[in-house]
Amino acid sequence: WDLSLSAVVSSASTGSDAIGAIEFDPSGEILATGGIARKIRSYRLSSLLESSPSRDDHLSCICTPAKLSSLKWRPDLAGRVIGSGDYD
């Protein structure tokens, strides 16, 4: 594999926001992240690969009651549905 850094996804806040899960949707166009900040953020991959993405470039942000350890998109393209799991 030939891996290289193409984008950095950073938090706009100064609080702890470590990413614990990253998942691409079935089309490969949308990327979702989740972690200890208890938020699922989705991004359009093309916006992350721009030369200077803004800090608030996420498509949506879903607040959850627990820290996230896993994400999984629904496998078909009938709808963009994502599931999540926590550490418990």
Protein backbone atom coordinates (compact mmCIF):
# COMPACT_ATOMS: atom_id res chain seq x y z
CA TRP A 1 0.00 0.00 0.00
CA ASP A 2 1.17 3.50 -0.79
CA LEU A 3 -0.24 5.75 1.94
CA SER A 4 0.10 9.52 2.10
CA LEU A 5 -1.51 12.28 4.17
CA SER A 6 -4.14 14.13 2.10
CA ALA A 7 -6.23 15.89 4.74
CA VAL A 8 -6.31 16.74 8.41
CA VAL A 9 -9.67 16.72 10.22
CA SER A 10 -9.36 18.90 13.29
CA SER A 11 -11.70 20.16 15.96
CA ALA A 12 -12.71 23.81 16.23
CA SER A 13 -12.80 23.54 20.02
CA THR A 14 -9.96 23.40 22.50
CA GLY A 15 -11.56 20.49 24.39
CA SER A 16 -10.66 16.86 23.99
CA ASP A 17 -12.08 15.56 20.73
CA ALA A 18 -10.11 12.42 19.91
CA ILE A 19 -11.48 10.47 16.94
CA GLY A 20 -12.25 6.85 17.79
CA ALA A 21 -13.98 5.78 14.57
CA ILE A 22 -13.90 6.75 10.89
CA GLU A 23 -16.27 5.30 8.29
CA PHE A 24 -16.85 5.99 4.57
CA ASP A 25 -20.40 5.76 3.22
CA PRO A 26 -21.04 3.18 0.43
CA SER A 27 -20.54 5.80 -2.30
CA GLY A 28 -17.14 6.81 -0.92
CA GLU A 29 -18.20 10.47 -1.02
CA ILE A 30 -19.12 11.00 2.64
CA LEU A 31 -16.84 10.40 5.62
CA ALA A 32 -18.15 10.16 9.19
CA THR A 33 -16.10 10.51 12.36
CA GLY A 34 -16.97 9.79 15.97
CA GLY A 35 -15.13 9.74 19.26
CA ILE A 36 -14.97 10.84 22.85
CA ALA A 37 -16.66 14.19 22.16
CA ARG A 38 -19.93 12.20 21.77
CA LYS A 39 -20.58 13.58 18.28
CA ILE A 40 -20.89 12.01 14.84
CA ARG A 41 -19.66 14.47 12.23
CA SER A 42 -20.07 13.84 8.52
CA TYR A 43 -17.90 15.44 5.85
CA ARG A 44 -17.97 15.53 2.07
CA LEU A 45 -14.62 13.95 1.17
CA SER A 46 -14.02 16.43 -1.65
CA SER A 47 -14.21 19.34 0.82
CA LEU A 48 -11.55 17.74 3.04
CA LEU A 49 -9.21 17.32 0.09
CA GLU A 50 -9.37 21.01 -0.87
CA SER A 51 -6.17 22.97 -0.33
CA SER A 52 -7.59 24.97 2.59
CA PRO A 53 -10.73 23.46 4.11
CA SER A 54 -12.55 25.54 6.72
CA ARG A 55 -12.88 24.37 10.32
CA ASP A 56 -16.69 24.23 10.03
CA ASP A 57 -16.90 22.23 6.81
CA HIS A 58 -18.86 19.29 8.21
CA LEU A 59 -22.22 18.45 6.62
CA SER A 60 -23.90 17.46 9.85
CA CYS A 61 -23.22 16.88 13.51
CA ILE A 62 -25.23 14.43 15.62
CA CYS A 63 -24.83 14.57 19.41
CA THR A 64 -24.94 11.20 21.17
CA PRO A 65 -25.28 10.26 24.87
CA ALA A 66 -22.03 8.27 25.01
CA LYS A 67 -18.45 8.29 23.73
CA LEU A 68 -18.28 6.53 20.36
CA SER A 69 -16.09 3.54 19.55
CA SER A 70 -17.55 2.45 16.19
CA LEU A 71 -19.55 3.69 13.21
CA LYS A 72 -21.16 1.77 10.34
CA TRP A 73 -23.14 3.07 7.35
CA ARG A 74 -26.12 1.14 6.01
CA PRO A 75 -24.60 -0.92 3.18
CA ASP A 76 -26.99 0.07 0.38
CA LEU A 77 -27.50 3.50 -1.11
CA ALA A 78 -31.25 3.61 -0.40
CA GLY A 79 -30.60 6.17 2.31
CA ARG A 80 -27.70 7.55 4.22
CA VAL A 81 -28.21 5.84 7.57
CA ILE A 82 -25.40 5.42 10.08
CA GLY A 83 -25.23 3.35 13.25
CA SER A 84 -22.87 3.81 16.16
CA GLY A 85 -21.54 1.89 19.14
CA ASP A 86 -20.11 3.09 22.43
CA TYR A 87 -17.55 1.72 24.86
CA ASP A 88 -20.14 0.05 27.12
